[in-house]
Amino acid sequence: FWLKIVVVSVLGPSTAMEGKAALPVPNYARRYPLLCGTMFLAGAAFEVVLIKTGFYNVYGVNAGQAKADEADKEEAFWMGVAERRMKRQAEVQIFDDPNAKPE
């Protein structure tokens, strides 16, 4: 069916057969609701399969774990930065009493 439409659209109506052997003109207004309904049902069936197999649960857990791992890495990075700052600050701190030790 689609091949017939492509042939007519590419070659043009002048090269198509005429009379009883002519290709019928497709009625899109009649087929569009059927197409929409079919696509809706196919999408709904796909979602049911994903829910029943637990895809969303597994994906959510994996995404949460990845986010937690990233947060842990970032926290460790900033803790290291804070430690390096404290160490540098202790090295360059100026005391009034030269014999005093830092706390």
PDB file of N, CA and C in Angstrom:
ATOM      1  N   PHE A   1       0.828  -1.199   0.000  1.00  0.00           N
ATOM      2  CA  PHE A   1       0.000   0.000   0.000  1.00  0.00           C
ATOM      3  C   PHE A   1       0.870   1.260   0.000  1.00  0.00           C
ATOM      4  N   TRP A   2       1.836   1.317   0.924  1.00  0.00           N
ATOM      5  CA  TRP A   2       2.675   2.516   1.008  1.00  0.00           C
ATOM      6  C   TRP A   2       3.553   2.660  -0.228  1.00  0.00           C
ATOM      7  N   LEU A   3       3.935   1.538  -0.792  1.00  0.00           N
ATOM      8  CA  LEU A   3       4.737   1.580  -2.003  1.00  0.00           C
ATOM      9  C   LEU A   3       3.950   2.219  -3.137  1.00  0.00           C
ATOM     10  N   LYS A   4       2.663   1.929  -3.195  1.00  0.00           N
ATOM     11  CA  LYS A   4       1.820   2.524  -4.234  1.00  0.00           C
ATOM     12  C   LYS A   4       1.780   4.042  -4.078  1.00  0.00           C
ATOM     13  N   ILE A   5       1.664   4.490  -2.853  1.00  0.00           N
ATOM     14  CA  ILE A   5       1.609   5.931  -2.604  1.00  0.00           C
ATOM     15  C   ILE A   5       2.936   6.579  -2.986  1.00  0.00           C
ATOM     16  N   VAL A   6       4.038   5.929  -2.636  1.00  0.00           N
ATOM     17  CA  VAL A   6       5.364   6.471  -2.958  1.00  0.00           C
ATOM     18  C   VAL A   6       5.542   6.544  -4.464  1.00  0.00           C
ATOM     19  N   VAL A   7       5.119   5.500  -5.167  1.00  0.00           N
ATOM     20  CA  VAL A   7       5.259   5.495  -6.629  1.00  0.00           C
ATOM     21  C   VAL A   7       4.458   6.631  -7.236  1.00  0.00           C
ATOM     22  N   VAL A   8       3.248   6.827  -6.766  1.00  0.00           N
ATOM     23  CA  VAL A   8       2.416   7.897  -7.317  1.00  0.00           C
ATOM     24  C   VAL A   8       3.005   9.256  -6.972  1.00  0.00           C
ATOM     25  N   SER A   9       3.507   9.409  -5.725  1.00  0.00           N
ATOM     26  CA  SER A   9       4.032  10.715  -5.343  1.00  0.00           C
ATOM     27  C   SER A   9       5.342  11.027  -6.048  1.00  0.00           C
ATOM     28  N   VAL A  10       6.162  10.017  -6.327  1.00  0.00           N
ATOM     29  CA  VAL A  10       7.445  10.247  -6.981  1.00  0.00           C
ATOM     30  C   VAL A  10       7.256  10.449  -8.482  1.00  0.00           C
ATOM     31  N   LEU A  11       6.495   9.557  -9.079  1.00  0.00           N
ATOM     32  CA  LEU A  11       6.332   9.625 -10.525  1.00  0.00           C
ATOM     33  C   LEU A  11       5.272  10.637 -10.955  1.00  0.00           C
ATOM     34  N   GLY A  12       4.393  10.962 -10.050  1.00  0.00           N
ATOM     35  CA  GLY A  12       3.343  11.916 -10.385  1.00  0.00           C
ATOM     36  C   GLY A  12       2.128  11.202 -10.926  1.00  0.00           C
ATOM     37  N   PRO A  13       0.978  11.866 -10.874  1.00  0.00           N
ATOM     38  CA  PRO A  13      -0.261  11.217 -11.308  1.00  0.00           C
ATOM     39  C   PRO A  13      -0.310  10.976 -12.813  1.00  0.00           C
ATOM     40  N   SER A  14       0.499  11.661 -13.597  1.00  0.00           N
ATOM     41  CA  SER A  14       0.423  11.498 -15.048  1.00  0.00           C
ATOM     42  C   SER A  14       0.932  10.134 -15.491  1.00  0.00           C
ATOM     43  N   THR A  15       1.854   9.536 -14.744  1.00  0.00           N
ATOM     44  CA  THR A  15       2.390   8.237 -15.140  1.00  0.00           C
ATOM     45  C   THR A  15       1.609   7.092 -14.502  1.00  0.00           C
ATOM     46  N   ALA A  16       0.699   7.392 -13.561  1.00  0.00           N
ATOM     47  CA  ALA A  16      -0.096   6.347 -12.927  1.00  0.00           C
ATOM     48  C   ALA A  16      -1.152   5.858 -13.910  1.00  0.00           C
ATOM     49  N   MET A  17      -1.611   4.668 -13.653  1.00  0.00           N
ATOM     50  CA  MET A  17      -2.632   4.090 -14.527  1.00  0.00           C
ATOM     51  C   MET A  17      -3.952   4.818 -14.325  1.00  0.00           C
ATOM     52  N   GLU A  18      -4.786   4.761 -15.329  1.00  0.00           N
ATOM     53  CA  GLU A  18      -6.085   5.428 -15.256  1.00  0.00           C
ATOM     54  C   GLU A  18      -7.185   4.396 -15.379  1.00  0.00           C
ATOM     55  N   GLY A  19      -8.377   4.798 -15.025  1.00  0.00           N
ATOM     56  CA  GLY A  19      -9.523   3.909 -15.155  1.00  0.00           C
ATOM     57  C   GLY A  19      -9.606   2.931 -14.001  1.00  0.00           C
ATOM     58  N   LYS A  20     -10.025   1.687 -14.321  1.00  0.00           N
ATOM     59  CA  LYS A  20     -10.216   0.674 -13.288  1.00  0.00           C
ATOM     60  C   LYS A  20      -8.891   0.236 -12.660  1.00  0.00           C
ATOM     61  N   ALA A  21      -7.791   0.356 -13.380  1.00  0.00           N
ATOM     62  CA  ALA A  21      -6.489  -0.058 -12.859  1.00  0.00           C
ATOM     63  C   ALA A  21      -5.792   1.050 -12.074  1.00  0.00           C
ATOM     64  N   ALA A  22      -6.442   2.203 -11.938  1.00  0.00           N
ATOM     65  CA  ALA A  22      -5.833   3.336 -11.231  1.00  0.00           C
ATOM     66  C   ALA A  22      -5.719   3.027  -9.735  1.00  0.00           C
ATOM     67  N   LEU A  23      -4.734   3.611  -9.138  1.00  0.00           N
ATOM     68  CA  LEU A  23      -4.557   3.461  -7.697  1.00  0.00           C
ATOM     69  C   LEU A  23      -5.640   4.250  -6.976  1.00  0.00           C
ATOM     70  N   PRO A  24      -6.241   3.675  -5.954  1.00  0.00           N
ATOM     71  CA  PRO A  24      -7.264   4.432  -5.219  1.00  0.00           C
ATOM     72  C   PRO A  24      -6.621   5.547  -4.406  1.00  0.00           C
ATOM     73  N   VAL A  25      -7.328   6.637  -4.285  1.00  0.00           N
ATOM     74  CA  VAL A  25      -6.837   7.764  -3.484  1.00  0.00           C
ATOM     75  C   VAL A  25      -7.062   7.415  -2.014  1.00  0.00           C
ATOM     76  N   PRO A  26      -6.010   7.412  -1.221  1.00  0.00           N
ATOM     77  CA  PRO A  26      -6.188   7.047   0.190  1.00  0.00           C
ATOM     78  C   PRO A  26      -6.992   8.104   0.937  1.00  0.00           C
ATOM     79  N   ASN A  27      -7.836   7.642   1.840  1.00  0.00           N
ATOM     80  CA  ASN A  27      -8.655   8.535   2.645  1.00  0.00           C
ATOM     81  C   ASN A  27      -7.974   8.678   4.013  1.00  0.00           C
ATOM     82  N   TYR A  28      -7.127   9.712   4.134  1.00  0.00           N
ATOM     83  CA  TYR A  28      -6.374   9.911   5.369  1.00  0.00           C
ATOM     84  C   TYR A  28      -7.268  10.319   6.530  1.00  0.00           C
ATOM     85  N   ALA A  29      -8.332  11.057   6.251  1.00  0.00           N
ATOM     86  CA  ALA A  29      -9.226  11.499   7.320  1.00  0.00           C
ATOM     87  C   ALA A  29      -9.869  10.302   8.014  1.00  0.00           C
ATOM     88  N   ARG A  30     -10.092   9.221   7.290  1.00  0.00           N
ATOM     89  CA  ARG A  30     -10.693   8.035   7.875  1.00  0.00           C
ATOM     90  C   ARG A  30      -9.652   7.191   8.609  1.00  0.00           C
ATOM     91  N   ARG A  31      -8.413   7.170   8.136  1.00  0.00           N
ATOM     92  CA  ARG A  31      -7.380   6.307   8.702  1.00  0.00           C
ATOM     93  C   ARG A  31      -6.607   6.962   9.848  1.00  0.00           C
ATOM     94  N   TYR A  32      -6.607   8.272   9.934  1.00  0.00           N
ATOM     95  CA  TYR A  32      -5.824   8.967  10.962  1.00  0.00           C
ATOM     96  C   TYR A  32      -6.265   8.589  12.379  1.00  0.00           C
ATOM     97  N   PRO A  33      -7.560   8.600  12.705  1.00  0.00           N
ATOM     98  CA  PRO A  33      -7.957   8.183  14.068  1.00  0.00           C
ATOM     99  C   PRO A  33      -7.562   6.741  14.371  1.00  0.00           C
ATOM    100  N   LEU A  34      -7.643   5.867  13.380  1.00  0.00           N
ATOM    101  CA  LEU A  34      -7.240   4.483  13.577  1.00  0.00           C
ATOM    102  C   LEU A  34      -5.736   4.402  13.862  1.00  0.00           C
ATOM    103  N   LEU A  35      -4.960   5.180  13.142  1.00  0.00           N
ATOM    104  CA  LEU A  35      -3.516   5.218  13.376  1.00  0.00           C
ATOM    105  C   LEU A  35      -3.207   5.741  14.775  1.00  0.00           C
ATOM    106  N   CYS A  36      -3.867   6.808  15.182  1.00  0.00           N
ATOM    107  CA  CYS A  36      -3.641   7.376  16.523  1.00  0.00           C
ATOM    108  C   CYS A  36      -4.016   6.370  17.604  1.00  0.00           C
ATOM    109  N   GLY A  37      -5.149   5.717  17.427  1.00  0.00           N
ATOM    110  CA  GLY A  37      -5.566   4.719  18.415  1.00  0.00           C
ATOM    111  C   GLY A  37      -4.594   3.556  18.492  1.00  0.00           C
ATOM    112  N   THR A  38      -4.122   3.110  17.346  1.00  0.00           N
ATOM    113  CA  THR A  38      -3.165   2.008  17.311  1.00  0.00           C
ATOM    114  C   THR A  38      -1.859   2.402  17.994  1.00  0.00           C
ATOM    115  N   MET A  39      -1.366   3.598  17.724  1.00  0.00           N
ATOM    116  CA  MET A  39      -0.118   4.052  18.351  1.00  0.00           C
ATOM    117  C   MET A  39      -0.294   4.227  19.857  1.00  0.00           C
ATOM    118  N   PHE A  40      -1.457   4.709  20.284  1.00  0.00           N
ATOM    119  CA  PHE A  40      -1.728   4.852  21.712  1.00  0.00           C
ATOM    120  C   PHE A  40      -1.701   3.497  22.396  1.00  0.00           C
ATOM    121  N   LEU A  41      -2.368   2.510  21.811  1.00  0.00           N
ATOM    122  CA  LEU A  41      -2.405   1.177  22.405  1.00  0.00           C
ATOM    123  C   LEU A  41      -1.023   0.529  22.407  1.00  0.00           C
ATOM    124  N   ALA A  42      -0.251   0.732  21.345  1.00  0.00           N
ATOM    125  CA  ALA A  42       1.106   0.175  21.305  1.00  0.00           C
ATOM    126  C   ALA A  42       1.971   0.812  22.399  1.00  0.00           C
ATOM    127  N   GLY A  43       1.866   2.126  22.570  1.00  0.00           N
ATOM    128  CA  GLY A  43       2.623   2.809  23.622  1.00  0.00           C
ATOM    129  C   GLY A  43       2.197   2.361  25.007  1.00  0.00           C
ATOM    130  N   ALA A  44       0.885   2.197  25.201  1.00  0.00           N
ATOM    131  CA  ALA A  44       0.392   1.741  26.502  1.00  0.00           C
ATOM    132  C   ALA A  44       0.885   0.329  26.795  1.00  0.00           C
ATOM    133  N   ALA A  45       0.873  -0.539  25.788  1.00  0.00           N
ATOM    134  CA  ALA A  45       1.360  -1.905  25.980  1.00  0.00           C
ATOM    135  C   ALA A  45       2.850  -1.899  26.323  1.00  0.00           C
ATOM    136  N   PHE A  46       3.607  -1.045  25.681  1.00  0.00           N
ATOM    137  CA  PHE A  46       5.037  -0.945  25.964  1.00  0.00           C
ATOM    138  C   PHE A  46       5.277  -0.484  27.395  1.00  0.00           C
ATOM    139  N   GLU A  47       4.511   0.495  27.846  1.00  0.00           N
ATOM    140  CA  GLU A  47       4.644   0.982  29.221  1.00  0.00           C
ATOM    141  C   GLU A  47       4.286  -0.107  30.223  1.00  0.00           C
ATOM    142  N   VAL A  48       3.246  -0.884  29.924  1.00  0.00           N
ATOM    143  CA  VAL A  48       2.855  -1.980  30.823  1.00  0.00           C
ATOM    144  C   VAL A  48       3.993  -2.984  30.933  1.00  0.00           C
ATOM    145  N   VAL A  49       4.613  -3.310  29.815  1.00  0.00           N
ATOM    146  CA  VAL A  49       5.740  -4.253  29.836  1.00  0.00           C
ATOM    147  C   VAL A  49       6.880  -3.690  30.684  1.00  0.00           C
ATOM    148  N   LEU A  50       7.198  -2.402  30.527  1.00  0.00           N
ATOM    149  CA  LEU A  50       8.281  -1.800  31.304  1.00  0.00           C
ATOM    150  C   LEU A  50       7.963  -1.804  32.795  1.00  0.00           C
ATOM    151  N   ILE A  51       6.727  -1.551  33.138  1.00  0.00           N
ATOM    152  CA  ILE A  51       6.345  -1.535  34.555  1.00  0.00           C
ATOM    153  C   ILE A  51       6.369  -2.944  35.134  1.00  0.00           C
ATOM    154  N   LYS A  52       5.811  -3.895  34.404  1.00  0.00           N
ATOM    155  CA  LYS A  52       5.747  -5.274  34.906  1.00  0.00           C
ATOM    156  C   LYS A  52       7.133  -5.910  35.041  1.00  0.00           C
ATOM    157  N   THR A  53       8.065  -5.547  34.193  1.00  0.00           N
ATOM    158  CA  THR A  53       9.410  -6.119  34.281  1.00  0.00           C
ATOM    159  C   THR A  53      10.270  -5.410  35.316  1.00  0.00           C
ATOM    160  N   GLY A  54       9.791  -4.299  35.878  1.00  0.00           N
ATOM    161  CA  GLY A  54      10.534  -3.586  36.900  1.00  0.00           C
ATOM    162  C   GLY A  54      11.625  -2.688  36.344  1.00  0.00           C
ATOM    163  N   PHE A  55      11.511  -2.327  35.083  1.00  0.00           N
ATOM    164  CA  PHE A  55      12.543  -1.487  34.470  1.00  0.00           C
ATOM    165  C   PHE A  55      12.678  -0.159  35.195  1.00  0.00           C
ATOM    166  N   TYR A  56      11.558   0.467  35.505  1.00  0.00           N
ATOM    167  CA  TYR A  56      11.617   1.782  36.145  1.00  0.00           C
ATOM    168  C   TYR A  56      12.202   1.682  37.543  1.00  0.00           C
ATOM    169  N   ASN A  57      11.918   0.599  38.269  1.00  0.00           N
ATOM    170  CA  ASN A  57      12.484   0.430  39.608  1.00  0.00           C
ATOM    171  C   ASN A  57      14.000   0.277  39.534  1.00  0.00           C
ATOM    172  N   VAL A  58      14.467  -0.555  38.625  1.00  0.00           N
ATOM    173  CA  VAL A  58      15.907  -0.777  38.483  1.00  0.00           C
ATOM    174  C   VAL A  58      16.589   0.497  38.026  1.00  0.00           C
ATOM    175  N   TYR A  59      16.008   1.168  37.061  1.00  0.00           N
ATOM    176  CA  TYR A  59      16.599   2.404  36.544  1.00  0.00           C
ATOM    177  C   TYR A  59      16.660   3.458  37.638  1.00  0.00           C
ATOM    178  N   GLY A  60      15.602   3.580  38.429  1.00  0.00           N
ATOM    179  CA  GLY A  60      15.585   4.572  39.508  1.00  0.00           C
ATOM    180  C   GLY A  60      16.638   4.296  40.562  1.00  0.00           C
ATOM    181  N   VAL A  61      16.798   3.032  40.919  1.00  0.00           N
ATOM    182  CA  VAL A  61      17.802   2.663  41.921  1.00  0.00           C
ATOM    183  C   VAL A  61      19.199   2.943  41.382  1.00  0.00           C
ATOM    184  N   ASN A  62      19.457   2.542  40.135  1.00  0.00           N
ATOM    185  CA  ASN A  62      20.785   2.776  39.549  1.00  0.00           C
ATOM    186  C   ASN A  62      21.091   4.262  39.433  1.00  0.00           C
ATOM    187  N   ALA A  63      20.100   5.050  39.036  1.00  0.00           N
ATOM    188  CA  ALA A  63      20.308   6.493  38.930  1.00  0.00           C
ATOM    189  C   ALA A  63      20.567   7.096  40.310  1.00  0.00           C
ATOM    190  N   GLY A  64      19.854   6.634  41.317  1.00  0.00           N
ATOM    191  CA  GLY A  64      20.071   7.121  42.681  1.00  0.00           C
ATOM    192  C   GLY A  64      21.447   6.770  43.199  1.00  0.00           C
ATOM    193  N   GLN A  65      21.901   5.550  42.910  1.00  0.00           N
ATOM    194  CA  GLN A  65      23.238   5.141  43.340  1.00  0.00           C
ATOM    195  C   GLN A  65      24.317   5.974  42.651  1.00  0.00           C
ATOM    196  N   ALA A  66      24.131   6.237  41.369  1.00  0.00           N
ATOM    197  CA  ALA A  66      25.119   7.050  40.652  1.00  0.00           C
ATOM    198  C   ALA A  66      25.167   8.460  41.222  1.00  0.00           C
ATOM    199  N   LYS A  67      24.001   9.003  41.544  1.00  0.00           N
ATOM    200  CA  LYS A  67      23.952  10.355  42.112  1.00  0.00           C
ATOM    201  C   LYS A  67      24.602  10.384  43.497  1.00  0.00           C
ATOM    202  N   ALA A  68      24.355   9.350  44.310  1.00  0.00           N
ATOM    203  CA  ALA A  68      24.963   9.275  45.648  1.00  0.00           C
ATOM    204  C   ALA A  68      26.479   9.126  45.543  1.00  0.00           C
ATOM    205  N   ASP A  69      26.943   8.313  44.595  1.00  0.00           N
ATOM    206  CA  ASP A  69      28.390   8.157  44.410  1.00  0.00           C
ATOM    207  C   ASP A  69      29.030   9.480  44.015  1.00  0.00           C
ATOM    208  N   GLU A  70      28.371  10.205  43.142  1.00  0.00           N
ATOM    209  CA  GLU A  70      28.905  11.506  42.725  1.00  0.00           C
ATOM    210  C   GLU A  70      28.939  12.482  43.900  1.00  0.00           C
ATOM    211  N   ALA A  71      27.901  12.459  44.725  1.00  0.00           N
ATOM    212  CA  ALA A  71      27.868  13.340  45.898  1.00  0.00           C
ATOM    213  C   ALA A  71      28.987  12.981  46.878  1.00  0.00           C
ATOM    214  N   ASP A  72      29.237  11.673  47.049  1.00  0.00           N
ATOM    215  CA  ASP A  72      30.330  11.247  47.940  1.00  0.00           C
ATOM    216  C   ASP A  72      31.681  11.724  47.417  1.00  0.00           C
ATOM    217  N   LYS A  73      31.896  11.583  46.114  1.00  0.00           N
ATOM    218  CA  LYS A  73      33.156  12.043  45.529  1.00  0.00           C
ATOM    219  C   LYS A  73      33.329  13.542  45.705  1.00  0.00           C
ATOM    220  N   GLU A  74      32.244  14.281  45.481  1.00  0.00           N
ATOM    221  CA  GLU A  74      32.328  15.739  45.620  1.00  0.00           C
ATOM    222  C   GLU A  74      32.591  16.138  47.072  1.00  0.00           C
ATOM    223  N   GLU A  75      31.936  15.444  48.004  1.00  0.00           N
ATOM    224  CA  GLU A  75      32.154  15.751  49.418  1.00  0.00           C
ATOM    225  C   GLU A  75      33.596  15.449  49.828  1.00  0.00           C
ATOM    226  N   ALA A  76      34.128  14.329  49.342  1.00  0.00           N
ATOM    227  CA  ALA A  76      35.517  13.976  49.645  1.00  0.00           C
ATOM    228  C   ALA A  76      36.469  15.013  49.049  1.00  0.00           C
ATOM    229  N   PHE A  77      36.167  15.487  47.860  1.00  0.00           N
ATOM    230  CA  PHE A  77      36.993  16.513  47.226  1.00  0.00           C
ATOM    231  C   PHE A  77      37.021  17.784  48.068  1.00  0.00           C
ATOM    232  N   TRP A  78      35.840  18.242  48.498  1.00  0.00           N
ATOM    233  CA  TRP A  78      35.794  19.486  49.268  1.00  0.00           C
ATOM    234  C   TRP A  78      36.384  19.317  50.659  1.00  0.00           C
ATOM    235  N   MET A  79      36.300  18.116  51.233  1.00  0.00           N
ATOM    236  CA  MET A  79      36.963  17.875  52.521  1.00  0.00           C
ATOM    237  C   MET A  79      38.480  17.970  52.344  1.00  0.00           C
ATOM    238  N   GLY A  80      38.996  17.429  51.244  1.00  0.00           N
ATOM    239  CA  GLY A  80      40.425  17.536  50.964  1.00  0.00           C
ATOM    240  C   GLY A  80      40.847  18.977  50.761  1.00  0.00           C
ATOM    241  N   VAL A  81      40.005  19.747  50.085  1.00  0.00           N
ATOM    242  CA  VAL A  81      40.302  21.165  49.876  1.00  0.00           C
ATOM    243  C   VAL A  81      40.354  21.887  51.214  1.00  0.00           C
ATOM    244  N   ALA A  82      39.399  21.592  52.086  1.00  0.00           N
ATOM    245  CA  ALA A  82      39.371  22.251  53.398  1.00  0.00           C
ATOM    246  C   ALA A  82      40.610  21.873  54.222  1.00  0.00           C
ATOM    247  N   GLU A  83      41.025  20.602  54.163  1.00  0.00           N
ATOM    248  CA  GLU A  83      42.218  20.182  54.898  1.00  0.00           C
ATOM    249  C   GLU A  83      43.465  20.882  54.375  1.00  0.00           C
ATOM    250  N   ARG A  84      43.589  20.981  53.053  1.00  0.00           N
ATOM    251  CA  ARG A  84      44.756  21.666  52.473  1.00  0.00           C
ATOM    252  C   ARG A  84      44.761  23.143  52.854  1.00  0.00           C
ATOM    253  N   ARG A  85      43.602  23.769  52.901  1.00  0.00           N
ATOM    254  CA  ARG A  85      43.524  25.185  53.296  1.00  0.00           C
ATOM    255  C   ARG A  85      43.947  25.369  54.748  1.00  0.00           C
ATOM    256  N   MET A  86      43.470  24.464  55.614  1.00  0.00           N
ATOM    257  CA  MET A  86      43.824  24.565  57.029  1.00  0.00           C
ATOM    258  C   MET A  86      45.338  24.383  57.207  1.00  0.00           C
ATOM    259  N   LYS A  87      45.909  23.438  56.480  1.00  0.00           N
ATOM    260  CA  LYS A  87      47.345  23.181  56.574  1.00  0.00           C
ATOM    261  C   LYS A  87      48.136  24.393  56.089  1.00  0.00           C
ATOM    262  N   ARG A  88      47.721  24.949  54.940  1.00  0.00           N
ATOM    263  CA  ARG A  88      48.406  26.133  54.406  1.00  0.00           C
ATOM    264  C   ARG A  88      48.263  27.329  55.347  1.00  0.00           C
ATOM    265  N   GLN A  89      47.079  27.469  55.916  1.00  0.00           N
ATOM    266  CA  GLN A  89      46.843  28.579  56.837  1.00  0.00           C
ATOM    267  C   GLN A  89      47.735  28.447  58.068  1.00  0.00           C
ATOM    268  N   ALA A  90      47.902  27.225  58.559  1.00  0.00           N
ATOM    269  CA  ALA A  90      48.766  27.010  59.731  1.00  0.00           C
ATOM    270  C   ALA A  90      50.225  27.295  59.397  1.00  0.00           C
ATOM    271  N   GLU A  91      50.615  27.023  58.154  1.00  0.00           N
ATOM    272  CA  GLU A  91      52.005  27.264  57.758  1.00  0.00           C
ATOM    273  C   GLU A  91      52.328  28.750  57.639  1.00  0.00           C
ATOM    274  N   VAL A  92      51.379  29.551  57.216  1.00  0.00           N
ATOM    275  CA  VAL A  92      51.664  30.966  56.976  1.00  0.00           C
ATOM    276  C   VAL A  92      51.140  31.887  58.081  1.00  0.00           C
ATOM    277  N   GLN A  93      50.622  31.317  59.168  1.00  0.00           N
ATOM    278  CA  GLN A  93      50.054  32.138  60.227  1.00  0.00           C
ATOM    279  C   GLN A  93      51.175  32.868  60.981  1.00  0.00           C
ATOM    280  N   ILE A  94      50.950  34.145  61.269  1.00  0.00           N
ATOM    281  CA  ILE A  94      51.930  34.968  61.980  1.00  0.00           C
ATOM    282  C   ILE A  94      51.472  35.118  63.427  1.00  0.00           C
ATOM    283  N   PHE A  95      52.380  34.799  64.357  1.00  0.00           N
ATOM    284  CA  PHE A  95      52.052  34.879  65.778  1.00  0.00           C
ATOM    285  C   PHE A  95      52.754  36.089  66.384  1.00  0.00           C
ATOM    286  N   ASP A  96      52.107  36.667  67.409  1.00  0.00           N
ATOM    287  CA  ASP A  96      52.744  37.777  68.129  1.00  0.00           C
ATOM    288  C   ASP A  96      53.935  37.293  68.923  1.00  0.00           C
ATOM    289  N   ASP A  97      53.796  36.180  69.550  1.00  0.00           N
ATOM    290  CA  ASP A  97      54.877  35.618  70.353  1.00  0.00           C
ATOM    291  C   ASP A  97      55.624  34.581  69.498  1.00  0.00           C
ATOM    292  N   PRO A  98      56.891  34.807  69.209  1.00  0.00           N
ATOM    293  CA  PRO A  98      57.596  33.858  68.323  1.00  0.00           C
ATOM    294  C   PRO A  98      57.741  32.473  68.928  1.00  0.00           C
ATOM    295  N   ASN A  99      57.665  32.343  70.263  1.00  0.00           N
ATOM    296  CA  ASN A  99      57.802  31.025  70.889  1.00  0.00           C
ATOM    297  C   ASN A  99      56.450  30.304  71.051  1.00  0.00           C
ATOM    298  N   ALA A 100      55.369  30.963  70.696  1.00  0.00           N
ATOM    299  CA  ALA A 100      54.050  30.351  70.854  1.00  0.00           C
ATOM    300  C   ALA A 100      53.840  29.306  69.752  1.00  0.00           C
ATOM    301  N   LYS A 101      53.158  28.233  70.131  1.00  0.00           N
ATOM    302  CA  LYS A 101      52.869  27.173  69.180  1.00  0.00           C
ATOM    303  C   LYS A 101      51.397  27.271  68.760  1.00  0.00           C
ATOM    304  N   PRO A 102      51.113  26.919  67.545  1.00  0.00           N
ATOM    305  CA  PRO A 102      49.706  26.963  67.117  1.00  0.00           C
ATOM    306  C   PRO A 102      48.891  25.899  67.852  1.00  0.00           C
ATOM    307  N   GLU A 103      47.640  26.174  68.017  1.00  0.00           N
ATOM    308  CA  GLU A 103      46.777  25.251  68.757  1.00  0.00           C
ATOM    309  C   GLU A 103      46.309  24.120  67.894  1.00  0.00           C
TER     310      GLU A 103
END
